[in-house]
Amino acid sequence: MKKSLHTLLKLTNFEMERLSKFLFTLMGLTLLLNLVGYIYTPMQHMGKINEYITQNSATTQQALDAFGRFSFYDVTQTLWIAGPIAIGVSGLLLYSIFIWYREWFGKNTFAYRLLMLPVSRMSLFFSKFITIFIGIFTLIATQMLSLFIGHPIVSAIIESAYFNDIGLIASIQMNPLFLYLFPLDFSYFLMVNGVGIVVLLVLFTVILMERSYSFKGIAMGILYGIAALSLVLFPFFIPNLLNNQYILYDSELMIIEIVLIVAVGVLSIFTSHHLINKKITV
């Protein structure tokens, strides 16, 4: 057990070193674009107010009636914040595919050397899985840090008469996007991450199906992916399908969702174990 854990840690460290340049690029892009948003968005708002006051000889109150008060929440609603999040999610999703296929690139494929190592092949599987999730939570932490940096910048640019200081935490809670990213509602956060874990496990299983059965594996993988994700998401559609929004309590919905997440996750792990040990040969 100790040897297996040591092997897993070494393989994960190896994968993290390969991910590091791409991850640092995403982190830097997130901070840079966020910083532009923290400066440009409030300056643009103040520019409109000053132009309005100059052209109309308006008072502060008249400017407030025309534009309203500006808050940090207004910044979090812009593409300067949502854009880097979308880039990070899509980037790591693509990397989740690339993390497997790069092993087969070139004539002297590195995949065969990895699979011939005297270690459990599932250690390779889990090292890649852990690496992706470390990348995901690193980007989430970067976004959280960015928001704490951005709030005082925005409040310094917007004149106090035009600034609605509702607070950083309140601004975050008001944005539905952050409900998926941050543990604002811990039970919901766990459910979202549970779905994310299953999505990644299913994706890895689909890739191994393609590697095992070639073109036939592509069809098998697509069908498996659709079936697995439909099963995981099915509880959310039960009220609409039965035209009864109160048929399930939130606690009941969560229990059903947890059971399905665990079932699909375990099935994907066992399927991947079979494929990587029995179907992918060197």
Protein backbone atom coordinates (compact mmCIF):
# COMPACT_ATOMS: atom_id res chain seq x y z
CA MET A 1 0.00 0.00 0.00
CA LYS A 2 2.80 2.40 0.96
CA LYS A 3 4.70 1.56 -2.23
CA SER A 4 1.58 2.09 -4.36
CA LEU A 5 0.97 5.49 -2.74
CA HIS A 6 4.60 6.48 -3.28
CA THR A 7 4.33 5.48 -6.95
CA LEU A 8 1.10 7.44 -7.35
CA LEU A 9 2.70 10.54 -5.83
CA LYS A 10 5.72 10.27 -8.12
CA LEU A 11 3.55 9.87 -11.20
CA THR A 12 1.33 12.77 -10.11
CA ASN A 13 4.40 14.95 -9.57
CA PHE A 14 5.60 13.97 -13.05
CA GLU A 15 2.25 14.93 -14.57
CA MET A 16 2.17 18.20 -12.62
CA GLU A 17 5.57 19.16 -14.02
CA ARG A 18 4.20 18.58 -17.53
CA LEU A 19 1.08 20.62 -16.74
CA SER A 20 2.89 23.46 -14.95
CA LYS A 21 3.69 25.70 -17.95
CA PHE A 22 0.14 25.47 -19.29
CA LEU A 23 -1.33 26.00 -15.81
CA PHE A 24 0.88 29.02 -15.09
CA THR A 25 -0.19 30.48 -18.44
CA LEU A 26 -3.87 30.11 -17.49
CA MET A 27 -3.21 31.62 -14.06
CA GLY A 28 -1.33 34.56 -15.57
CA LEU A 29 -4.05 35.11 -18.17
CA THR A 30 -6.71 35.04 -15.45
CA LEU A 31 -4.93 37.62 -13.31
CA LEU A 32 -4.06 39.85 -16.28
CA LEU A 33 -7.56 39.94 -17.80
CA ASN A 34 -9.15 40.37 -14.37
CA LEU A 35 -6.82 43.28 -13.62
CA VAL A 36 -7.80 44.95 -16.90
CA GLY A 37 -11.44 44.53 -15.89
CA TYR A 38 -10.84 45.97 -12.42
CA ILE A 39 -9.31 49.10 -13.95
CA TYR A 40 -11.06 49.54 -17.30
CA THR A 41 -14.67 48.86 -16.21
CA PRO A 42 -14.87 51.43 -13.35
CA MET A 43 -12.85 53.98 -15.36
CA GLN A 44 -15.29 53.59 -18.25
CA HIS A 45 -18.20 54.12 -15.86
CA MET A 46 -16.60 57.23 -14.33
CA GLY A 47 -15.85 58.51 -17.83
CA LYS A 48 -19.53 58.29 -18.76
CA ILE A 49 -20.53 60.09 -15.57
CA ASN A 50 -18.00 62.90 -16.05
CA GLU A 51 -19.01 63.30 -19.69
CA TYR A 52 -22.67 63.46 -18.70
CA ILE A 53 -22.00 66.06 -16.01
CA THR A 54 -19.87 68.19 -18.36
CA GLN A 55 -22.28 68.09 -21.30
CA ASN A 56 -25.42 68.62 -19.23
CA SER A 57 -24.05 70.72 -16.38
CA ALA A 58 -25.62 68.06 -14.19
CA THR A 59 -25.33 67.64 -10.44
CA THR A 60 -24.08 64.54 -8.67
CA GLN A 61 -27.66 63.51 -7.89
CA GLN A 62 -28.71 63.87 -11.51
CA ALA A 63 -25.76 61.70 -12.55
CA LEU A 64 -26.80 59.11 -9.99
CA ASP A 65 -30.37 59.18 -11.31
CA ALA A 66 -29.04 58.61 -14.83
CA PHE A 67 -26.43 55.91 -14.14
CA GLY A 68 -27.09 54.60 -10.66
CA ARG A 69 -24.44 53.57 -8.18
CA PHE A 70 -21.59 51.33 -9.29
CA SER A 71 -20.64 48.27 -7.22
CA PHE A 72 -18.01 45.55 -7.43
CA TYR A 73 -20.79 43.20 -8.52
CA ASP A 74 -20.99 45.15 -11.80
CA VAL A 75 -17.37 44.23 -12.49
CA THR A 76 -17.92 40.53 -11.76
CA GLN A 77 -20.65 40.51 -14.40
CA THR A 78 -18.27 41.47 -17.21
CA LEU A 79 -16.36 39.26 -19.66
CA TRP A 80 -13.14 40.38 -18.00
CA ILE A 81 -14.09 38.01 -15.17
CA ALA A 82 -16.28 35.40 -16.88
CA GLY A 83 -13.99 35.13 -19.93
CA PRO A 84 -10.89 33.83 -18.11
CA ILE A 85 -13.08 31.35 -16.20
CA ALA A 86 -14.46 30.02 -19.48
CA ILE A 87 -10.95 29.86 -20.95
CA GLY A 88 -9.67 28.00 -17.89
CA VAL A 89 -12.50 25.45 -17.89
CA SER A 90 -12.26 24.79 -21.63
CA GLY A 91 -8.45 24.74 -21.47
CA LEU A 92 -8.33 22.10 -18.75
CA LEU A 93 -11.07 20.10 -20.47
CA LEU A 94 -8.97 19.99 -23.64
CA TYR A 95 -5.91 19.16 -21.57
CA SER A 96 -7.86 16.25 -20.02
CA ILE A 97 -7.96 14.76 -23.52
CA PHE A 98 -4.44 15.81 -24.45
CA ILE A 99 -3.01 14.30 -21.24
CA TRP A 100 -3.78 10.86 -22.70
CA TYR A 101 -3.24 11.32 -26.43
CA ARG A 102 0.16 13.00 -26.21
CA GLU A 103 1.51 9.68 -24.93
CA TRP A 104 0.80 8.17 -28.35
CA PHE A 105 2.24 11.03 -30.44
CA GLY A 106 5.31 10.36 -32.53
CA LYS A 107 7.02 7.20 -33.70
CA ASN A 108 8.60 6.24 -30.38
CA THR A 109 5.38 6.47 -28.41
CA PHE A 110 5.92 7.29 -24.76
CA ALA A 111 2.67 5.49 -23.84
CA TYR A 112 4.25 2.07 -24.27
CA ARG A 113 7.14 2.92 -21.97
CA LEU A 114 4.71 4.18 -19.34
CA LEU A 115 2.52 1.07 -19.60
CA MET A 116 5.58 -1.19 -19.26
CA LEU A 117 6.58 0.36 -15.92
CA PRO A 118 6.45 -2.17 -13.05
CA VAL A 119 3.54 -0.34 -11.42
CA SER A 120 -0.22 -0.65 -11.45
CA ARG A 121 -1.61 0.84 -14.63
CA MET A 122 -4.40 2.40 -12.60
CA SER A 123 -1.71 4.50 -10.91
CA LEU A 124 -1.21 6.12 -14.31
CA PHE A 125 -4.96 6.65 -14.56
CA PHE A 126 -5.34 8.23 -11.13
CA SER A 127 -2.20 10.37 -11.47
CA LYS A 128 -3.70 12.02 -14.55
CA PHE A 129 -7.06 12.38 -12.80
CA ILE A 130 -5.52 14.00 -9.70
CA THR A 131 -3.41 16.32 -11.85
CA ILE A 132 -6.47 17.72 -13.63
CA PHE A 133 -8.25 18.39 -10.35
CA ILE A 134 -5.20 20.06 -8.85
CA GLY A 135 -5.21 22.30 -11.93
CA ILE A 136 -8.93 23.05 -11.50
CA PHE A 137 -8.65 24.02 -7.83
CA THR A 138 -5.48 26.02 -8.52
CA LEU A 139 -7.41 28.14 -11.03
CA ILE A 140 -10.31 28.50 -8.58
CA ALA A 141 -7.87 29.69 -5.89
CA THR A 142 -6.33 32.12 -8.39
CA GLN A 143 -9.76 33.55 -9.21
CA MET A 144 -10.60 33.94 -5.51
CA LEU A 145 -7.30 35.72 -4.87
CA SER A 146 -7.94 37.96 -7.86
CA LEU A 147 -11.30 39.07 -6.48
CA PHE A 148 -9.75 40.05 -3.15
CA ILE A 149 -7.17 42.10 -5.06
CA GLY A 150 -9.76 43.65 -7.38
CA HIS A 151 -12.24 44.95 -4.80
CA PRO A 152 -9.98 47.68 -3.32
CA ILE A 153 -8.86 48.67 -6.85
CA VAL A 154 -12.43 49.25 -8.00
CA SER A 155 -13.41 51.08 -4.81
CA ALA A 156 -10.38 53.37 -5.24
CA ILE A 157 -11.27 54.29 -8.85
CA ILE A 158 -14.99 54.95 -8.35
CA GLU A 159 -15.66 58.15 -6.43
CA SER A 160 -17.39 57.46 -3.12
CA ALA A 161 -20.49 59.40 -4.16
CA TYR A 162 -21.08 56.96 -7.01
CA PHE A 163 -19.91 53.75 -5.35
CA ASN A 164 -22.26 51.23 -3.75
CA ASP A 165 -19.97 49.33 -1.41
CA ILE A 166 -22.06 46.19 -0.88
CA GLY A 167 -18.93 44.30 0.12
CA LEU A 168 -16.81 41.68 -1.60
CA ILE A 169 -18.58 38.63 -0.18
CA ALA A 170 -22.02 39.97 -1.05
CA SER A 171 -20.86 40.75 -4.58
CA ILE A 172 -19.59 37.18 -4.97
CA GLN A 173 -22.79 35.69 -3.56
CA MET A 174 -24.91 37.69 -6.00
CA ASN A 175 -23.14 36.23 -9.04
CA PRO A 176 -24.60 32.79 -10.00
CA LEU A 177 -21.33 31.83 -11.72
CA PHE A 178 -19.45 31.85 -8.42
CA LEU A 179 -22.01 29.51 -6.88
CA TYR A 180 -20.52 26.79 -9.11
CA LEU A 181 -16.91 27.71 -8.35
CA PHE A 182 -16.76 28.66 -4.69
CA PRO A 183 -18.07 26.84 -1.57
CA LEU A 184 -20.72 29.49 -0.88
CA ASP A 185 -23.27 26.70 -0.34
CA PHE A 186 -21.12 23.77 0.76
CA SER A 187 -23.63 21.02 -0.05
CA TYR A 188 -24.22 22.47 -3.51
CA PHE A 189 -20.45 22.88 -3.97
CA LEU A 190 -19.95 19.19 -3.16
CA MET A 191 -22.65 18.19 -5.64
CA VAL A 192 -21.15 20.33 -8.40
CA ASN A 193 -17.71 18.86 -7.75
CA GLY A 194 -19.21 15.37 -7.63
CA VAL A 195 -20.66 15.91 -11.09
CA GLY A 196 -17.29 17.28 -12.21
CA ILE A 197 -15.51 14.17 -10.91
CA VAL A 198 -17.92 11.92 -12.80
CA VAL A 199 -17.55 13.97 -16.00
CA LEU A 200 -13.77 13.54 -15.82
CA LEU A 201 -13.98 9.81 -15.02
CA VAL A 202 -16.42 9.28 -17.90
CA LEU A 203 -14.18 11.28 -20.26
CA PHE A 204 -11.16 9.15 -19.32
CA THR A 205 -13.22 5.98 -19.82
CA VAL A 206 -14.35 7.18 -23.26
CA ILE A 207 -10.73 7.87 -24.25
CA LEU A 208 -9.65 4.40 -23.11
CA MET A 209 -12.50 2.86 -25.11
CA GLU A 210 -11.24 4.62 -28.22
CA ARG A 211 -7.66 3.52 -27.51
CA SER A 212 -8.84 -0.06 -26.97
CA TYR A 213 -11.25 -0.52 -29.88
CA SER A 214 -10.26 2.25 -32.34
CA PHE A 215 -13.24 3.38 -34.51
CA LYS A 216 -15.65 1.00 -32.82
CA GLY A 217 -14.45 2.40 -29.51
CA ILE A 218 -15.43 5.93 -30.58
CA ALA A 219 -19.06 4.86 -31.01
CA MET A 220 -18.95 2.89 -27.76
CA GLY A 221 -17.44 5.85 -25.95
CA ILE A 222 -19.99 8.35 -27.25
CA LEU A 223 -22.88 6.08 -26.27
CA TYR A 224 -21.35 5.43 -22.83
CA GLY A 225 -20.72 9.12 -22.25
CA ILE A 226 -24.27 10.12 -23.21
CA ALA A 227 -25.79 7.37 -21.06
CA ALA A 228 -23.59 8.09 -18.02
CA LEU A 229 -24.05 11.86 -18.02
CA SER A 230 -27.78 11.58 -18.74
CA LEU A 231 -28.12 9.32 -15.72
CA VAL A 232 -26.22 11.76 -13.48
CA LEU A 233 -28.23 14.78 -14.65
CA PHE A 234 -31.59 12.97 -14.73
CA PRO A 235 -32.72 13.90 -11.16
CA PHE A 236 -32.60 17.62 -12.03
CA PHE A 237 -35.22 17.05 -14.75
CA ILE A 238 -37.62 14.91 -12.70
CA PRO A 239 -39.81 17.86 -11.52
CA ASN A 240 -40.20 19.16 -15.09
CA LEU A 241 -40.84 15.70 -16.56
CA LEU A 242 -43.58 15.02 -14.01
CA ASN A 243 -44.79 18.63 -14.11
CA ASN A 244 -44.49 18.86 -10.34
CA GLN A 245 -41.83 21.14 -8.87
CA TYR A 246 -42.48 19.85 -5.34
CA ILE A 247 -42.30 16.10 -5.97
CA LEU A 248 -38.87 15.90 -4.32
CA TYR A 249 -37.38 17.73 -1.35
CA ASP A 250 -33.92 19.18 -1.85
CA SER A 251 -32.51 16.60 0.57
CA GLU A 252 -34.13 13.76 -1.39
CA LEU A 253 -32.81 15.14 -4.66
CA MET A 254 -29.32 15.35 -3.20
CA ILE A 255 -29.44 11.74 -1.92
CA ILE A 256 -30.55 10.47 -5.33
CA GLU A 257 -27.85 12.54 -7.02
CA ILE A 258 -25.13 11.28 -4.68
CA VAL A 259 -26.16 7.65 -5.27
CA LEU A 260 -26.08 8.13 -9.06
CA ILE A 261 -22.75 9.99 -8.95
CA VAL A 262 -21.16 7.21 -6.90
CA ALA A 263 -22.67 4.50 -9.13
CA VAL A 264 -21.49 6.08 -12.40
CA GLY A 265 -18.11 6.94 -10.91
CA VAL A 266 -17.50 3.38 -9.66
CA LEU A 267 -18.69 1.93 -12.99
CA SER A 268 -16.31 4.21 -14.89
CA ILE A 269 -13.37 3.26 -12.67
CA PHE A 270 -14.03 -0.47 -13.06
CA THR A 271 -14.51 -0.10 -16.83
CA SER A 272 -11.30 1.90 -17.11
CA HIS A 273 -9.48 -0.69 -14.98
CA HIS A 274 -10.58 -3.45 -17.35
CA LEU A 275 -9.66 -1.49 -20.47
CA ILE A 276 -6.24 -0.27 -19.36
CA ASN A 277 -5.22 -3.70 -18.03
CA LYS A 278 -6.82 -6.07 -20.52
CA LYS A 279 -7.42 -4.21 -23.79
CA ILE A 280 -4.54 -1.76 -24.17
CA THR A 281 -1.47 -3.85 -24.96
CA VAL A 282 2.18 -3.00 -25.56
